[in-house]
PDBML (XML) file of the C-alpha atoms, coordinates in Angstrom:
<?xml version="1.0" encoding="UTF-8" ?>
<PDBx:datablock datablockName="MODEL"
   xmlns:PDBx="http://pdbml.pdb.org/schema/pdbx-v50.xsd"
   xmlns:xsi="http://www.w3.org/2001/XMLSchema-instance"
   xsi:schemaLocation="http://pdbml.pdb.org/schema/pdbx-v50.xsd pdbx-v50.xsd">
   <PDBx:atom_siteCategory>
      <PDBx:atom_site id="1">
         <PDBx:B_iso_or_equiv>0.00</PDBx:B_iso_or_equiv>
         <PDBx:Cartn_x>84.866</PDBx:Cartn_x>
         <PDBx:Cartn_y>121.378</PDBx:Cartn_y>
         <PDBx:Cartn_z>92.785</PDBx:Cartn_z>
         <PDBx:auth_asym_id>A</PDBx:auth_asym_id>
         <PDBx:auth_atom_id>CA</PDBx:auth_atom_id>
         <PDBx:auth_comp_id>ILE</PDBx:auth_comp_id>
         <PDBx:auth_seq_id>1</PDBx:auth_seq_id>
         <PDBx:group_PDB>ATOM</PDBx:group_PDB>
         <PDBx:label_alt_id xsi:nil="true" />
         <PDBx:label_asym_id>A</PDBx:label_asym_id>
         <PDBx:label_atom_id>CA</PDBx:label_atom_id>
         <PDBx:label_comp_id>ILE</PDBx:label_comp_id>
         <PDBx:label_entity_id>1</PDBx:label_entity_id>
         <PDBx:label_seq_id>1</PDBx:label_seq_id>
         <PDBx:occupancy>1.00</PDBx:occupancy>
         <PDBx:pdbx_PDB_model_num>1</PDBx:pdbx_PDB_model_num>
         <PDBx:type_symbol>C</PDBx:type_symbol>
      </PDBx:atom_site>
      <PDBx:atom_site id="2">
         <PDBx:B_iso_or_equiv>0.00</PDBx:B_iso_or_equiv>
         <PDBx:Cartn_x>84.386</PDBx:Cartn_x>
         <PDBx:Cartn_y>118.489</PDBx:Cartn_y>
         <PDBx:Cartn_z>95.189</PDBx:Cartn_z>
         <PDBx:auth_asym_id>A</PDBx:auth_asym_id>
         <PDBx:auth_atom_id>CA</PDBx:auth_atom_id>
         <PDBx:auth_comp_id>ARG</PDBx:auth_comp_id>
         <PDBx:auth_seq_id>2</PDBx:auth_seq_id>
         <PDBx:group_PDB>ATOM</PDBx:group_PDB>
         <PDBx:label_alt_id xsi:nil="true" />
         <PDBx:label_asym_id>A</PDBx:label_asym_id>
         <PDBx:label_atom_id>CA</PDBx:label_atom_id>
         <PDBx:label_comp_id>ARG</PDBx:label_comp_id>
         <PDBx:label_entity_id>1</PDBx:label_entity_id>
         <PDBx:label_seq_id>2</PDBx:label_seq_id>
         <PDBx:occupancy>1.00</PDBx:occupancy>
         <PDBx:pdbx_PDB_model_num>1</PDBx:pdbx_PDB_model_num>
         <PDBx:type_symbol>C</PDBx:type_symbol>
      </PDBx:atom_site>
      <PDBx:atom_site id="3">
         <PDBx:B_iso_or_equiv>0.00</PDBx:B_iso_or_equiv>
         <PDBx:Cartn_x>87.885</PDBx:Cartn_x>
         <PDBx:Cartn_y>116.989</PDBx:Cartn_y>
         <PDBx:Cartn_z>95.145</PDBx:Cartn_z>
         <PDBx:auth_asym_id>A</PDBx:auth_asym_id>
         <PDBx:auth_atom_id>CA</PDBx:auth_atom_id>
         <PDBx:auth_comp_id>TYR</PDBx:auth_comp_id>
         <PDBx:auth_seq_id>3</PDBx:auth_seq_id>
         <PDBx:group_PDB>ATOM</PDBx:group_PDB>
         <PDBx:label_alt_id xsi:nil="true" />
         <PDBx:label_asym_id>A</PDBx:label_asym_id>
         <PDBx:label_atom_id>CA</PDBx:label_atom_id>
         <PDBx:label_comp_id>TYR</PDBx:label_comp_id>
         <PDBx:label_entity_id>1</PDBx:label_entity_id>
         <PDBx:label_seq_id>3</PDBx:label_seq_id>
         <PDBx:occupancy>1.00</PDBx:occupancy>
         <PDBx:pdbx_PDB_model_num>1</PDBx:pdbx_PDB_model_num>
         <PDBx:type_symbol>C</PDBx:type_symbol>
      </PDBx:atom_site>
      <PDBx:atom_site id="4">
         <PDBx:B_iso_or_equiv>0.00</PDBx:B_iso_or_equiv>
         <PDBx:Cartn_x>91.475</PDBx:Cartn_x>
         <PDBx:Cartn_y>117.971</PDBx:Cartn_y>
         <PDBx:Cartn_z>94.716</PDBx:Cartn_z>
         <PDBx:auth_asym_id>A</PDBx:auth_asym_id>
         <PDBx:auth_atom_id>CA</PDBx:auth_atom_id>
         <PDBx:auth_comp_id>GLN</PDBx:auth_comp_id>
         <PDBx:auth_seq_id>4</PDBx:auth_seq_id>
         <PDBx:group_PDB>ATOM</PDBx:group_PDB>
         <PDBx:label_alt_id xsi:nil="true" />
         <PDBx:label_asym_id>A</PDBx:label_asym_id>
         <PDBx:label_atom_id>CA</PDBx:label_atom_id>
         <PDBx:label_comp_id>GLN</PDBx:label_comp_id>
         <PDBx:label_entity_id>1</PDBx:label_entity_id>
         <PDBx:label_seq_id>4</PDBx:label_seq_id>
         <PDBx:occupancy>1.00</PDBx:occupancy>
         <PDBx:pdbx_PDB_model_num>1</PDBx:pdbx_PDB_model_num>
         <PDBx:type_symbol>C</PDBx:type_symbol>
      </PDBx:atom_site>
      <PDBx:atom_site id="5">
         <PDBx:B_iso_or_equiv>0.00</PDBx:B_iso_or_equiv>
         <PDBx:Cartn_x>93.416</PDBx:Cartn_x>
         <PDBx:Cartn_y>115.597</PDBx:Cartn_y>
         <PDBx:Cartn_z>92.495</PDBx:Cartn_z>
         <PDBx:auth_asym_id>A</PDBx:auth_asym_id>
         <PDBx:auth_atom_id>CA</PDBx:auth_atom_id>
         <PDBx:auth_comp_id>TYR</PDBx:auth_comp_id>
         <PDBx:auth_seq_id>5</PDBx:auth_seq_id>
         <PDBx:group_PDB>ATOM</PDBx:group_PDB>
         <PDBx:label_alt_id xsi:nil="true" />
         <PDBx:label_asym_id>A</PDBx:label_asym_id>
         <PDBx:label_atom_id>CA</PDBx:label_atom_id>
         <PDBx:label_comp_id>TYR</PDBx:label_comp_id>
         <PDBx:label_entity_id>1</PDBx:label_entity_id>
         <PDBx:label_seq_id>5</PDBx:label_seq_id>
         <PDBx:occupancy>1.00</PDBx:occupancy>
         <PDBx:pdbx_PDB_model_num>1</PDBx:pdbx_PDB_model_num>
         <PDBx:type_symbol>C</PDBx:type_symbol>
      </PDBx:atom_site>
      <PDBx:atom_site id="6">
         <PDBx:B_iso_or_equiv>0.00</PDBx:B_iso_or_equiv>
         <PDBx:Cartn_x>97.084</PDBx:Cartn_x>
         <PDBx:Cartn_y>114.803</PDBx:Cartn_y>
         <PDBx:Cartn_z>93.028</PDBx:Cartn_z>
         <PDBx:auth_asym_id>A</PDBx:auth_asym_id>
         <PDBx:auth_atom_id>CA</PDBx:auth_atom_id>
         <PDBx:auth_comp_id>SER</PDBx:auth_comp_id>
         <PDBx:auth_seq_id>6</PDBx:auth_seq_id>
         <PDBx:group_PDB>ATOM</PDBx:group_PDB>
         <PDBx:label_alt_id xsi:nil="true" />
         <PDBx:label_asym_id>A</PDBx:label_asym_id>
         <PDBx:label_atom_id>CA</PDBx:label_atom_id>
         <PDBx:label_comp_id>SER</PDBx:label_comp_id>
         <PDBx:label_entity_id>1</PDBx:label_entity_id>
         <PDBx:label_seq_id>6</PDBx:label_seq_id>
         <PDBx:occupancy>1.00</PDBx:occupancy>
         <PDBx:pdbx_PDB_model_num>1</PDBx:pdbx_PDB_model_num>
         <PDBx:type_symbol>C</PDBx:type_symbol>
      </PDBx:atom_site>
      <PDBx:atom_site id="7">
         <PDBx:B_iso_or_equiv>0.00</PDBx:B_iso_or_equiv>
         <PDBx:Cartn_x>99.503</PDBx:Cartn_x>
         <PDBx:Cartn_y>112.800</PDBx:Cartn_y>
         <PDBx:Cartn_z>90.918</PDBx:Cartn_z>
         <PDBx:auth_asym_id>A</PDBx:auth_asym_id>
         <PDBx:auth_atom_id>CA</PDBx:auth_atom_id>
         <PDBx:auth_comp_id>VAL</PDBx:auth_comp_id>
         <PDBx:auth_seq_id>7</PDBx:auth_seq_id>
         <PDBx:group_PDB>ATOM</PDBx:group_PDB>
         <PDBx:label_alt_id xsi:nil="true" />
         <PDBx:label_asym_id>A</PDBx:label_asym_id>
         <PDBx:label_atom_id>CA</PDBx:label_atom_id>
         <PDBx:label_comp_id>VAL</PDBx:label_comp_id>
         <PDBx:label_entity_id>1</PDBx:label_entity_id>
         <PDBx:label_seq_id>7</PDBx:label_seq_id>
         <PDBx:occupancy>1.00</PDBx:occupancy>
         <PDBx:pdbx_PDB_model_num>1</PDBx:pdbx_PDB_model_num>
         <PDBx:type_symbol>C</PDBx:type_symbol>
      </PDBx:atom_site>
      <PDBx:atom_site id="8">
         <PDBx:B_iso_or_equiv>0.00</PDBx:B_iso_or_equiv>
         <PDBx:Cartn_x>102.194</PDBx:Cartn_x>
         <PDBx:Cartn_y>111.337</PDBx:Cartn_y>
         <PDBx:Cartn_z>93.159</PDBx:Cartn_z>
         <PDBx:auth_asym_id>A</PDBx:auth_asym_id>
         <PDBx:auth_atom_id>CA</PDBx:auth_atom_id>
         <PDBx:auth_comp_id>GLU</PDBx:auth_comp_id>
         <PDBx:auth_seq_id>8</PDBx:auth_seq_id>
         <PDBx:group_PDB>ATOM</PDBx:group_PDB>
         <PDBx:label_alt_id xsi:nil="true" />
         <PDBx:label_asym_id>A</PDBx:label_asym_id>
         <PDBx:label_atom_id>CA</PDBx:label_atom_id>
         <PDBx:label_comp_id>GLU</PDBx:label_comp_id>
         <PDBx:label_entity_id>1</PDBx:label_entity_id>
         <PDBx:label_seq_id>8</PDBx:label_seq_id>
         <PDBx:occupancy>1.00</PDBx:occupancy>
         <PDBx:pdbx_PDB_model_num>1</PDBx:pdbx_PDB_model_num>
         <PDBx:type_symbol>C</PDBx:type_symbol>
      </PDBx:atom_site>
      <PDBx:atom_site id="9">
         <PDBx:B_iso_or_equiv>0.00</PDBx:B_iso_or_equiv>
         <PDBx:Cartn_x>104.981</PDBx:Cartn_x>
         <PDBx:Cartn_y>108.769</PDBx:Cartn_y>
         <PDBx:Cartn_z>92.941</PDBx:Cartn_z>
         <PDBx:auth_asym_id>A</PDBx:auth_asym_id>
         <PDBx:auth_atom_id>CA</PDBx:auth_atom_id>
         <PDBx:auth_comp_id>SER</PDBx:auth_comp_id>
         <PDBx:auth_seq_id>9</PDBx:auth_seq_id>
         <PDBx:group_PDB>ATOM</PDBx:group_PDB>
         <PDBx:label_alt_id xsi:nil="true" />
         <PDBx:label_asym_id>A</PDBx:label_asym_id>
         <PDBx:label_atom_id>CA</PDBx:label_atom_id>
         <PDBx:label_comp_id>SER</PDBx:label_comp_id>
         <PDBx:label_entity_id>1</PDBx:label_entity_id>
         <PDBx:label_seq_id>9</PDBx:label_seq_id>
         <PDBx:occupancy>1.00</PDBx:occupancy>
         <PDBx:pdbx_PDB_model_num>1</PDBx:pdbx_PDB_model_num>
         <PDBx:type_symbol>C</PDBx:type_symbol>
      </PDBx:atom_site>
      <PDBx:atom_site id="10">
         <PDBx:B_iso_or_equiv>0.00</PDBx:B_iso_or_equiv>
         <PDBx:Cartn_x>104.026</PDBx:Cartn_x>
         <PDBx:Cartn_y>105.271</PDBx:Cartn_y>
         <PDBx:Cartn_z>94.092</PDBx:Cartn_z>
         <PDBx:auth_asym_id>A</PDBx:auth_asym_id>
         <PDBx:auth_atom_id>CA</PDBx:auth_atom_id>
         <PDBx:auth_comp_id>ASP</PDBx:auth_comp_id>
         <PDBx:auth_seq_id>10</PDBx:auth_seq_id>
         <PDBx:group_PDB>ATOM</PDBx:group_PDB>
         <PDBx:label_alt_id xsi:nil="true" />
         <PDBx:label_asym_id>A</PDBx:label_asym_id>
         <PDBx:label_atom_id>CA</PDBx:label_atom_id>
         <PDBx:label_comp_id>ASP</PDBx:label_comp_id>
         <PDBx:label_entity_id>1</PDBx:label_entity_id>
         <PDBx:label_seq_id>10</PDBx:label_seq_id>
         <PDBx:occupancy>1.00</PDBx:occupancy>
         <PDBx:pdbx_PDB_model_num>1</PDBx:pdbx_PDB_model_num>
         <PDBx:type_symbol>C</PDBx:type_symbol>
      </PDBx:atom_site>
      <PDBx:atom_site id="11">
         <PDBx:B_iso_or_equiv>0.00</PDBx:B_iso_or_equiv>
         <PDBx:Cartn_x>107.684</PDBx:Cartn_x>
         <PDBx:Cartn_y>104.531</PDBx:Cartn_y>
         <PDBx:Cartn_z>94.991</PDBx:Cartn_z>
         <PDBx:auth_asym_id>A</PDBx:auth_asym_id>
         <PDBx:auth_atom_id>CA</PDBx:auth_atom_id>
         <PDBx:auth_comp_id>ASN</PDBx:auth_comp_id>
         <PDBx:auth_seq_id>11</PDBx:auth_seq_id>
         <PDBx:group_PDB>ATOM</PDBx:group_PDB>
         <PDBx:label_alt_id xsi:nil="true" />
         <PDBx:label_asym_id>A</PDBx:label_asym_id>
         <PDBx:label_atom_id>CA</PDBx:label_atom_id>
         <PDBx:label_comp_id>ASN</PDBx:label_comp_id>
         <PDBx:label_entity_id>1</PDBx:label_entity_id>
         <PDBx:label_seq_id>11</PDBx:label_seq_id>
         <PDBx:occupancy>1.00</PDBx:occupancy>
         <PDBx:pdbx_PDB_model_num>1</PDBx:pdbx_PDB_model_num>
         <PDBx:type_symbol>C</PDBx:type_symbol>
      </PDBx:atom_site>
      <PDBx:atom_site id="12">
         <PDBx:B_iso_or_equiv>0.00</PDBx:B_iso_or_equiv>
         <PDBx:Cartn_x>107.525</PDBx:Cartn_x>
         <PDBx:Cartn_y>101.580</PDBx:Cartn_y>
         <PDBx:Cartn_z>92.591</PDBx:Cartn_z>
         <PDBx:auth_asym_id>A</PDBx:auth_asym_id>
         <PDBx:auth_atom_id>CA</PDBx:auth_atom_id>
         <PDBx:auth_comp_id>ARG</PDBx:auth_comp_id>
         <PDBx:auth_seq_id>12</PDBx:auth_seq_id>
         <PDBx:group_PDB>ATOM</PDBx:group_PDB>
         <PDBx:label_alt_id xsi:nil="true" />
         <PDBx:label_asym_id>A</PDBx:label_asym_id>
         <PDBx:label_atom_id>CA</PDBx:label_atom_id>
         <PDBx:label_comp_id>ARG</PDBx:label_comp_id>
         <PDBx:label_entity_id>1</PDBx:label_entity_id>
         <PDBx:label_seq_id>12</PDBx:label_seq_id>
         <PDBx:occupancy>1.00</PDBx:occupancy>
         <PDBx:pdbx_PDB_model_num>1</PDBx:pdbx_PDB_model_num>
         <PDBx:type_symbol>C</PDBx:type_symbol>
      </PDBx:atom_site>
      <PDBx:atom_site id="13">
         <PDBx:B_iso_or_equiv>0.00</PDBx:B_iso_or_equiv>
         <PDBx:Cartn_x>108.407</PDBx:Cartn_x>
         <PDBx:Cartn_y>103.373</PDBx:Cartn_y>
         <PDBx:Cartn_z>89.385</PDBx:Cartn_z>
         <PDBx:auth_asym_id>A</PDBx:auth_asym_id>
         <PDBx:auth_atom_id>CA</PDBx:auth_atom_id>
         <PDBx:auth_comp_id>GLY</PDBx:auth_comp_id>
         <PDBx:auth_seq_id>13</PDBx:auth_seq_id>
         <PDBx:group_PDB>ATOM</PDBx:group_PDB>
         <PDBx:label_alt_id xsi:nil="true" />
         <PDBx:label_asym_id>A</PDBx:label_asym_id>
         <PDBx:label_atom_id>CA</PDBx:label_atom_id>
         <PDBx:label_comp_id>GLY</PDBx:label_comp_id>
         <PDBx:label_entity_id>1</PDBx:label_entity_id>
         <PDBx:label_seq_id>13</PDBx:label_seq_id>
         <PDBx:occupancy>1.00</PDBx:occupancy>
         <PDBx:pdbx_PDB_model_num>1</PDBx:pdbx_PDB_model_num>
         <PDBx:type_symbol>C</PDBx:type_symbol>
      </PDBx:atom_site>
      <PDBx:atom_site id="14">
         <PDBx:B_iso_or_equiv>0.00</PDBx:B_iso_or_equiv>
         <PDBx:Cartn_x>104.877</PDBx:Cartn_x>
         <PDBx:Cartn_y>104.544</PDBx:Cartn_y>
         <PDBx:Cartn_z>88.726</PDBx:Cartn_z>
         <PDBx:auth_asym_id>A</PDBx:auth_asym_id>
         <PDBx:auth_atom_id>CA</PDBx:auth_atom_id>
         <PDBx:auth_comp_id>GLY</PDBx:auth_comp_id>
         <PDBx:auth_seq_id>14</PDBx:auth_seq_id>
         <PDBx:group_PDB>ATOM</PDBx:group_PDB>
         <PDBx:label_alt_id xsi:nil="true" />
         <PDBx:label_asym_id>A</PDBx:label_asym_id>
         <PDBx:label_atom_id>CA</PDBx:label_atom_id>
         <PDBx:label_comp_id>GLY</PDBx:label_comp_id>
         <PDBx:label_entity_id>1</PDBx:label_entity_id>
         <PDBx:label_seq_id>14</PDBx:label_seq_id>
         <PDBx:occupancy>1.00</PDBx:occupancy>
         <PDBx:pdbx_PDB_model_num>1</PDBx:pdbx_PDB_model_num>
         <PDBx:type_symbol>C</PDBx:type_symbol>
      </PDBx:atom_site>
      <PDBx:atom_site id="15">
         <PDBx:B_iso_or_equiv>0.00</PDBx:B_iso_or_equiv>
         <PDBx:Cartn_x>102.372</PDBx:Cartn_x>
         <PDBx:Cartn_y>107.236</PDBx:Cartn_y>
         <PDBx:Cartn_z>89.659</PDBx:Cartn_z>
         <PDBx:auth_asym_id>A</PDBx:auth_asym_id>
         <PDBx:auth_atom_id>CA</PDBx:auth_atom_id>
         <PDBx:auth_comp_id>MET</PDBx:auth_comp_id>
         <PDBx:auth_seq_id>15</PDBx:auth_seq_id>
         <PDBx:group_PDB>ATOM</PDBx:group_PDB>
         <PDBx:label_alt_id xsi:nil="true" />
         <PDBx:label_asym_id>A</PDBx:label_asym_id>
         <PDBx:label_atom_id>CA</PDBx:label_atom_id>
         <PDBx:label_comp_id>MET</PDBx:label_comp_id>
         <PDBx:label_entity_id>1</PDBx:label_entity_id>
         <PDBx:label_seq_id>15</PDBx:label_seq_id>
         <PDBx:occupancy>1.00</PDBx:occupancy>
         <PDBx:pdbx_PDB_model_num>1</PDBx:pdbx_PDB_model_num>
         <PDBx:type_symbol>C</PDBx:type_symbol>
      </PDBx:atom_site>
      <PDBx:atom_site id="16">
         <PDBx:B_iso_or_equiv>0.00</PDBx:B_iso_or_equiv>
         <PDBx:Cartn_x>99.199</PDBx:Cartn_x>
         <PDBx:Cartn_y>107.387</PDBx:Cartn_y>
         <PDBx:Cartn_z>91.763</PDBx:Cartn_z>
         <PDBx:auth_asym_id>A</PDBx:auth_asym_id>
         <PDBx:auth_atom_id>CA</PDBx:auth_atom_id>
         <PDBx:auth_comp_id>LEU</PDBx:auth_comp_id>
         <PDBx:auth_seq_id>16</PDBx:auth_seq_id>
         <PDBx:group_PDB>ATOM</PDBx:group_PDB>
         <PDBx:label_alt_id xsi:nil="true" />
         <PDBx:label_asym_id>A</PDBx:label_asym_id>
         <PDBx:label_atom_id>CA</PDBx:label_atom_id>
         <PDBx:label_comp_id>LEU</PDBx:label_comp_id>
         <PDBx:label_entity_id>1</PDBx:label_entity_id>
         <PDBx:label_seq_id>16</PDBx:label_seq_id>
         <PDBx:occupancy>1.00</PDBx:occupancy>
         <PDBx:pdbx_PDB_model_num>1</PDBx:pdbx_PDB_model_num>
         <PDBx:type_symbol>C</PDBx:type_symbol>
      </PDBx:atom_site>
      <PDBx:atom_site id="17">
         <PDBx:B_iso_or_equiv>0.00</PDBx:B_iso_or_equiv>
         <PDBx:Cartn_x>96.131</PDBx:Cartn_x>
         <PDBx:Cartn_y>109.501</PDBx:Cartn_y>
         <PDBx:Cartn_z>91.001</PDBx:Cartn_z>
         <PDBx:auth_asym_id>A</PDBx:auth_asym_id>
         <PDBx:auth_atom_id>CA</PDBx:auth_atom_id>
         <PDBx:auth_comp_id>VAL</PDBx:auth_comp_id>
         <PDBx:auth_seq_id>17</PDBx:auth_seq_id>
         <PDBx:group_PDB>ATOM</PDBx:group_PDB>
         <PDBx:label_alt_id xsi:nil="true" />
         <PDBx:label_asym_id>A</PDBx:label_asym_id>
         <PDBx:label_atom_id>CA</PDBx:label_atom_id>
         <PDBx:label_comp_id>VAL</PDBx:label_comp_id>
         <PDBx:label_entity_id>1</PDBx:label_entity_id>
         <PDBx:label_seq_id>17</PDBx:label_seq_id>
         <PDBx:occupancy>1.00</PDBx:occupancy>
         <PDBx:pdbx_PDB_model_num>1</PDBx:pdbx_PDB_model_num>
         <PDBx:type_symbol>C</PDBx:type_symbol>
      </PDBx:atom_site>
      <PDBx:atom_site id="18">
         <PDBx:B_iso_or_equiv>0.00</PDBx:B_iso_or_equiv>
         <PDBx:Cartn_x>94.550</PDBx:Cartn_x>
         <PDBx:Cartn_y>110.500</PDBx:Cartn_y>
         <PDBx:Cartn_z>94.324</PDBx:Cartn_z>
         <PDBx:auth_asym_id>A</PDBx:auth_asym_id>
         <PDBx:auth_atom_id>CA</PDBx:auth_atom_id>
         <PDBx:auth_comp_id>ILE</PDBx:auth_comp_id>
         <PDBx:auth_seq_id>18</PDBx:auth_seq_id>
         <PDBx:group_PDB>ATOM</PDBx:group_PDB>
         <PDBx:label_alt_id xsi:nil="true" />
         <PDBx:label_asym_id>A</PDBx:label_asym_id>
         <PDBx:label_atom_id>CA</PDBx:label_atom_id>
         <PDBx:label_comp_id>ILE</PDBx:label_comp_id>
         <PDBx:label_entity_id>1</PDBx:label_entity_id>
         <PDBx:label_seq_id>18</PDBx:label_seq_id>
         <PDBx:occupancy>1.00</PDBx:occupancy>
         <PDBx:pdbx_PDB_model_num>1</PDBx:pdbx_PDB_model_num>
         <PDBx:type_symbol>C</PDBx:type_symbol>
      </PDBx:atom_site>
      <PDBx:atom_site id="19">
         <PDBx:B_iso_or_equiv>0.00</PDBx:B_iso_or_equiv>
         <PDBx:Cartn_x>91.287</PDBx:Cartn_x>
         <PDBx:Cartn_y>112.359</PDBx:Cartn_y>
         <PDBx:Cartn_z>95.016</PDBx:Cartn_z>
         <PDBx:auth_asym_id>A</PDBx:auth_asym_id>
         <PDBx:auth_atom_id>CA</PDBx:auth_atom_id>
         <PDBx:auth_comp_id>ALA</PDBx:auth_comp_id>
         <PDBx:auth_seq_id>19</PDBx:auth_seq_id>
         <PDBx:group_PDB>ATOM</PDBx:group_PDB>
         <PDBx:label_alt_id xsi:nil="true" />
         <PDBx:label_asym_id>A</PDBx:label_asym_id>
         <PDBx:label_atom_id>CA</PDBx:label_atom_id>
         <PDBx:label_comp_id>ALA</PDBx:label_comp_id>
         <PDBx:label_entity_id>1</PDBx:label_entity_id>
         <PDBx:label_seq_id>19</PDBx:label_seq_id>
         <PDBx:occupancy>1.00</PDBx:occupancy>
         <PDBx:pdbx_PDB_model_num>1</PDBx:pdbx_PDB_model_num>
         <PDBx:type_symbol>C</PDBx:type_symbol>
      </PDBx:atom_site>
      <PDBx:atom_site id="20">
         <PDBx:B_iso_or_equiv>0.00</PDBx:B_iso_or_equiv>
         <PDBx:Cartn_x>91.054</PDBx:Cartn_x>
         <PDBx:Cartn_y>114.262</PDBx:Cartn_y>
         <PDBx:Cartn_z>98.308</PDBx:Cartn_z>
         <PDBx:auth_asym_id>A</PDBx:auth_asym_id>
         <PDBx:auth_atom_id>CA</PDBx:auth_atom_id>
         <PDBx:auth_comp_id>THR</PDBx:auth_comp_id>
         <PDBx:auth_seq_id>20</PDBx:auth_seq_id>
         <PDBx:group_PDB>ATOM</PDBx:group_PDB>
         <PDBx:label_alt_id xsi:nil="true" />
         <PDBx:label_asym_id>A</PDBx:label_asym_id>
         <PDBx:label_atom_id>CA</PDBx:label_atom_id>
         <PDBx:label_comp_id>THR</PDBx:label_comp_id>
         <PDBx:label_entity_id>1</PDBx:label_entity_id>
         <PDBx:label_seq_id>20</PDBx:label_seq_id>
         <PDBx:occupancy>1.00</PDBx:occupancy>
         <PDBx:pdbx_PDB_model_num>1</PDBx:pdbx_PDB_model_num>
         <PDBx:type_symbol>C</PDBx:type_symbol>
      </PDBx:atom_site>
      <PDBx:atom_site id="21">
         <PDBx:B_iso_or_equiv>0.00</PDBx:B_iso_or_equiv>
         <PDBx:Cartn_x>88.531</PDBx:Cartn_x>
         <PDBx:Cartn_y>116.404</PDBx:Cartn_y>
         <PDBx:Cartn_z>100.128</PDBx:Cartn_z>
         <PDBx:auth_asym_id>A</PDBx:auth_asym_id>
         <PDBx:auth_atom_id>CA</PDBx:auth_atom_id>
         <PDBx:auth_comp_id>ASN</PDBx:auth_comp_id>
         <PDBx:auth_seq_id>21</PDBx:auth_seq_id>
         <PDBx:group_PDB>ATOM</PDBx:group_PDB>
         <PDBx:label_alt_id xsi:nil="true" />
         <PDBx:label_asym_id>A</PDBx:label_asym_id>
         <PDBx:label_atom_id>CA</PDBx:label_atom_id>
         <PDBx:label_comp_id>ASN</PDBx:label_comp_id>
         <PDBx:label_entity_id>1</PDBx:label_entity_id>
         <PDBx:label_seq_id>21</PDBx:label_seq_id>
         <PDBx:occupancy>1.00</PDBx:occupancy>
         <PDBx:pdbx_PDB_model_num>1</PDBx:pdbx_PDB_model_num>
         <PDBx:type_symbol>C</PDBx:type_symbol>
      </PDBx:atom_site>
      <PDBx:atom_site id="22">
         <PDBx:B_iso_or_equiv>0.00</PDBx:B_iso_or_equiv>
         <PDBx:Cartn_x>87.774</PDBx:Cartn_x>
         <PDBx:Cartn_y>117.178</PDBx:Cartn_y>
         <PDBx:Cartn_z>103.766</PDBx:Cartn_z>
         <PDBx:auth_asym_id>A</PDBx:auth_asym_id>
         <PDBx:auth_atom_id>CA</PDBx:auth_atom_id>
         <PDBx:auth_comp_id>SER</PDBx:auth_comp_id>
         <PDBx:auth_seq_id>22</PDBx:auth_seq_id>
         <PDBx:group_PDB>ATOM</PDBx:group_PDB>
         <PDBx:label_alt_id xsi:nil="true" />
         <PDBx:label_asym_id>A</PDBx:label_asym_id>
         <PDBx:label_atom_id>CA</PDBx:label_atom_id>
         <PDBx:label_comp_id>SER</PDBx:label_comp_id>
         <PDBx:label_entity_id>1</PDBx:label_entity_id>
         <PDBx:label_seq_id>22</PDBx:label_seq_id>
         <PDBx:occupancy>1.00</PDBx:occupancy>
         <PDBx:pdbx_PDB_model_num>1</PDBx:pdbx_PDB_model_num>
         <PDBx:type_symbol>C</PDBx:type_symbol>
      </PDBx:atom_site>
      <PDBx:atom_site id="23">
         <PDBx:B_iso_or_equiv>0.00</PDBx:B_iso_or_equiv>
         <PDBx:Cartn_x>85.973</PDBx:Cartn_x>
         <PDBx:Cartn_y>113.846</PDBx:Cartn_y>
         <PDBx:Cartn_z>104.224</PDBx:Cartn_z>
         <PDBx:auth_asym_id>A</PDBx:auth_asym_id>
         <PDBx:auth_atom_id>CA</PDBx:auth_atom_id>
         <PDBx:auth_comp_id>ASP</PDBx:auth_comp_id>
         <PDBx:auth_seq_id>23</PDBx:auth_seq_id>
         <PDBx:group_PDB>ATOM</PDBx:group_PDB>
         <PDBx:label_alt_id xsi:nil="true" />
         <PDBx:label_asym_id>A</PDBx:label_asym_id>
         <PDBx:label_atom_id>CA</PDBx:label_atom_id>
         <PDBx:label_comp_id>ASP</PDBx:label_comp_id>
         <PDBx:label_entity_id>1</PDBx:label_entity_id>
         <PDBx:label_seq_id>23</PDBx:label_seq_id>
         <PDBx:occupancy>1.00</PDBx:occupancy>
         <PDBx:pdbx_PDB_model_num>1</PDBx:pdbx_PDB_model_num>
         <PDBx:type_symbol>C</PDBx:type_symbol>
      </PDBx:atom_site>
      <PDBx:atom_site id="24">
         <PDBx:B_iso_or_equiv>0.00</PDBx:B_iso_or_equiv>
         <PDBx:Cartn_x>88.040</PDBx:Cartn_x>
         <PDBx:Cartn_y>111.299</PDBx:Cartn_y>
         <PDBx:Cartn_z>102.331</PDBx:Cartn_z>
         <PDBx:auth_asym_id>A</PDBx:auth_asym_id>
         <PDBx:auth_atom_id>CA</PDBx:auth_atom_id>
         <PDBx:auth_comp_id>GLU</PDBx:auth_comp_id>
         <PDBx:auth_seq_id>24</PDBx:auth_seq_id>
         <PDBx:group_PDB>ATOM</PDBx:group_PDB>
         <PDBx:label_alt_id xsi:nil="true" />
         <PDBx:label_asym_id>A</PDBx:label_asym_id>
         <PDBx:label_atom_id>CA</PDBx:label_atom_id>
         <PDBx:label_comp_id>GLU</PDBx:label_comp_id>
         <PDBx:label_entity_id>1</PDBx:label_entity_id>
         <PDBx:label_seq_id>24</PDBx:label_seq_id>
         <PDBx:occupancy>1.00</PDBx:occupancy>
         <PDBx:pdbx_PDB_model_num>1</PDBx:pdbx_PDB_model_num>
         <PDBx:type_symbol>C</PDBx:type_symbol>
      </PDBx:atom_site>
   </PDBx:atom_siteCategory>
</PDBx:datablock>
C-alpha cells in the first residue's frame, strides 16, 4: 500500500530488498 518492494542483485553474489515510494 505505502511502498513497492523490489528484490535486486547487490552485485556481490547476493540480493537486496528495497522499499520505494514517492518520498523515499
